[in-house]
Amino acid sequence: MAGDDDAFRLLVEKYRNDVFRTVFAVLRDLKEAEDAAQEVFLKIYTSLPRYEHQGFKTWMTRIAVNHAIDVQRKQARQSVEVVEALEQQAFGTPKDSIEKEMIQNERQRQVRKRLNELPDNYRDVIYGFYIAEKSYQQMAEEQKVQVKTIETKLYRARHWMKKNWKEDDFS
């Protein structure tokens, strides 16, 4: 048995470059080709009892090509599965998207209701900054005040919300 292992080691040394070139020609990726070449030699080793003594290099090359094609197909399937999973996450099922939309609409309604509870001077800056996505500068120009005044109002508005609202109010 040790003689078989030594003979196989010699076989690997003799044909490793040929096998690597063959799988690399199909996969076009260095790391994938290295892994696939190792797997090919494992397949060759386990298939040796079935070898029919007709063109060893041709037989070995056929195993290498078939394995590389299998690896390539597997990668393509995995790519498709990843894309499908990402699409599923992004779009969800129709039922999921309707449910998400209803939850989002309910949250928006709650936020608008809670915004109306804010004192007027805070409501304007919170709405302007977070809802209308205006800059401090834009709000300062619209309200004809200094940028520092907007910063102070936002700070006080946030402090008021932390003091008067609980996170549970929005879930």
Protein backbone atom coordinates (compact mmCIF):
# COMPACT_ATOMS: atom_id res chain seq x y z
CA MET A 1 0.00 0.00 0.00
CA ALA A 2 2.89 2.37 0.80
CA GLY A 3 4.22 1.65 -2.67
CA ASP A 4 0.89 2.76 -4.16
CA ASP A 5 1.10 6.03 -2.27
CA ASP A 6 4.67 6.63 -3.45
CA ALA A 7 3.71 5.82 -7.02
CA PHE A 8 0.74 8.18 -6.80
CA ARG A 9 2.95 10.95 -5.37
CA LEU A 10 5.23 10.56 -8.42
CA LEU A 11 2.17 10.67 -10.68
CA VAL A 12 1.02 13.93 -9.03
CA GLU A 13 4.46 15.49 -9.42
CA LYS A 14 4.62 14.48 -13.08
CA TYR A 15 1.13 15.69 -14.08
CA ARG A 16 0.29 18.49 -11.64
CA ASN A 17 1.12 21.27 -14.11
CA ASP A 18 -0.95 19.62 -16.85
CA VAL A 19 -3.93 19.19 -14.54
CA PHE A 20 -3.62 22.74 -13.22
CA ARG A 21 -3.45 24.24 -16.74
CA THR A 22 -6.49 22.22 -17.77
CA VAL A 23 -8.69 23.34 -14.87
CA PHE A 24 -7.38 26.91 -15.04
CA ALA A 25 -8.33 27.07 -18.74
CA VAL A 26 -11.94 26.39 -17.72
CA LEU A 27 -12.18 28.30 -14.42
CA ARG A 28 -9.92 31.31 -15.12
CA ASP A 29 -9.35 31.84 -11.40
CA LEU A 30 -6.03 30.98 -9.76
CA LYS A 31 -7.39 30.02 -6.32
CA GLU A 32 -10.31 28.04 -7.76
CA ALA A 33 -7.97 26.25 -10.17
CA GLU A 34 -5.58 25.30 -7.35
CA ASP A 35 -8.43 23.86 -5.29
CA ALA A 36 -9.96 22.10 -8.27
CA ALA A 37 -6.60 20.56 -9.28
CA GLN A 38 -6.25 19.03 -5.81
CA GLU A 39 -9.79 17.67 -6.03
CA VAL A 40 -9.01 16.25 -9.49
CA PHE A 41 -6.08 14.28 -8.09
CA LEU A 42 -8.34 12.90 -5.36
CA LYS A 43 -10.81 11.80 -8.05
CA ILE A 44 -8.00 10.25 -10.08
CA TYR A 45 -6.77 8.36 -7.01
CA THR A 46 -10.21 6.98 -6.21
CA SER A 47 -10.86 6.17 -9.89
CA LEU A 48 -7.57 4.34 -10.53
CA PRO A 49 -9.14 0.87 -10.06
CA ARG A 50 -11.53 1.69 -12.94
CA TYR A 51 -8.78 2.92 -15.28
CA GLU A 52 -8.74 0.78 -18.45
CA HIS A 53 -5.09 1.34 -19.47
CA GLN A 54 -5.87 3.37 -22.58
CA GLY A 55 -4.24 6.83 -22.79
CA PHE A 56 -3.59 7.75 -19.16
CA LYS A 57 -3.00 11.45 -19.83
CA THR A 58 -6.18 11.66 -21.93
CA TRP A 59 -8.16 9.90 -19.18
CA MET A 60 -6.73 12.23 -16.54
CA THR A 61 -7.43 15.32 -18.67
CA ARG A 62 -11.04 14.22 -19.18
CA ILE A 63 -11.47 13.92 -15.38
CA ALA A 64 -9.89 17.38 -14.93
CA VAL A 65 -12.10 19.03 -17.58
CA ASN A 66 -15.28 17.40 -16.25
CA HIS A 67 -14.46 18.41 -12.69
CA ALA A 68 -13.65 22.00 -13.70
CA ILE A 69 -16.96 22.22 -15.59
CA ASP A 70 -18.78 20.88 -12.50
CA VAL A 71 -17.06 23.52 -10.34
CA GLN A 72 -18.00 26.23 -12.85
CA ARG A 73 -21.65 25.09 -12.88
CA LYS A 74 -21.72 25.04 -9.10
CA GLN A 75 -20.33 28.60 -8.99
CA ALA A 76 -22.95 29.74 -11.50
CA ARG A 77 -25.73 28.15 -9.41
CA GLN A 78 -24.38 29.79 -6.27
CA SER A 79 -24.23 33.16 -8.04
CA VAL A 80 -27.85 32.80 -9.12
CA GLU A 81 -28.86 31.75 -5.60
CA VAL A 82 -27.07 34.76 -4.11
CA VAL A 83 -28.75 37.12 -6.58
CA GLU A 84 -32.14 35.55 -5.85
CA ALA A 85 -31.55 35.83 -2.11
CA LEU A 86 -30.58 39.49 -2.47
CA GLU A 87 -33.64 40.17 -4.62
CA GLN A 88 -35.79 38.39 -2.06
CA GLN A 89 -34.33 40.56 0.70
CA ALA A 90 -34.73 43.73 -1.31
CA PHE A 91 -38.20 43.13 -2.67
CA GLY A 92 -39.60 40.38 -0.47
CA THR A 93 -42.61 38.39 -1.46
CA PRO A 94 -45.69 40.35 -2.52
CA LYS A 95 -47.28 39.53 0.85
CA ASP A 96 -44.18 40.71 2.69
CA SER A 97 -44.01 43.97 0.77
CA ILE A 98 -47.68 44.75 1.44
CA GLU A 99 -47.20 43.99 5.11
CA LYS A 100 -44.02 46.07 5.28
CA GLU A 101 -45.76 48.95 3.52
CA MET A 102 -48.67 48.84 5.98
CA ILE A 103 -46.30 48.82 8.96
CA GLN A 104 -44.29 51.67 7.48
CA ASN A 105 -47.46 53.69 6.81
CA GLU A 106 -48.62 53.12 10.39
CA ARG A 107 -45.24 54.23 11.76
CA GLN A 108 -45.30 57.35 9.56
CA ARG A 109 -48.80 58.14 10.84
CA GLN A 110 -47.60 57.75 14.44
CA VAL A 111 -44.56 59.94 13.82
CA ARG A 112 -46.69 62.69 12.23
CA LYS A 113 -49.09 62.52 15.17
CA ARG A 114 -46.20 62.73 17.65
CA LEU A 115 -44.60 65.60 15.70
CA ASN A 116 -47.77 67.60 16.25
CA GLU A 117 -47.23 67.19 20.01
CA LEU A 118 -43.89 69.00 19.80
CA PRO A 119 -43.78 72.66 20.80
CA ASP A 120 -44.01 74.82 17.65
CA ASN A 121 -40.42 76.12 17.75
CA TYR A 122 -39.09 72.53 17.96
CA ARG A 123 -41.49 71.06 15.41
CA ASP A 124 -40.20 73.32 12.63
CA VAL A 125 -36.54 72.34 13.07
CA ILE A 126 -37.26 68.63 13.58
CA TYR A 127 -39.48 68.56 10.52
CA GLY A 128 -37.04 70.62 8.46
CA PHE A 129 -33.96 68.59 9.37
CA TYR A 130 -35.29 65.02 9.57
CA ILE A 131 -38.31 65.00 7.27
CA ALA A 132 -37.52 67.64 4.65
CA GLU A 133 -33.77 66.86 4.94
CA LYS A 134 -32.76 70.51 4.94
CA SER A 135 -29.34 71.67 6.04
CA TYR A 136 -28.82 73.92 9.06
CA GLN A 137 -27.91 76.70 6.63
CA GLN A 138 -31.15 76.33 4.63
CA MET A 139 -33.30 76.40 7.75
CA ALA A 140 -31.41 79.40 9.15
CA GLU A 141 -31.99 81.35 5.93
CA GLU A 142 -35.70 80.42 5.84
CA GLN A 143 -36.23 81.40 9.48
CA LYS A 144 -33.94 84.43 9.17
CA VAL A 145 -31.80 83.34 12.13
CA GLN A 146 -28.19 82.32 12.70
CA VAL A 147 -27.06 78.72 12.03
CA LYS A 148 -26.14 78.47 15.74
CA THR A 149 -29.80 79.17 16.60
CA ILE A 150 -30.88 76.19 14.46
CA GLU A 151 -28.28 73.98 16.15
CA THR A 152 -29.53 75.05 19.58
CA LYS A 153 -33.18 74.48 18.64
CA LEU A 154 -32.38 70.99 17.31
CA TYR A 155 -30.43 70.16 20.46
CA ARG A 156 -33.29 71.32 22.67
CA ALA A 157 -35.87 69.56 20.49
CA ARG A 158 -34.00 66.26 20.76
CA HIS A 159 -33.67 66.74 24.51
CA TRP A 160 -37.42 67.45 24.77
CA MET A 161 -38.22 64.28 22.78
CA LYS A 162 -35.95 62.11 24.95
CA LYS A 163 -37.57 63.50 28.06
CA ASN A 164 -41.20 63.27 26.88
CA TRP A 165 -41.29 60.27 24.56
CA LYS A 166 -40.56 56.60 25.05
CA GLU A 167 -39.26 54.31 22.31
CA ASP A 168 -42.31 52.09 22.84
CA ASP A 169 -44.50 54.96 21.63
CA PHE A 170 -43.28 54.24 18.08
CA SER A 171 -43.39 50.46 17.87
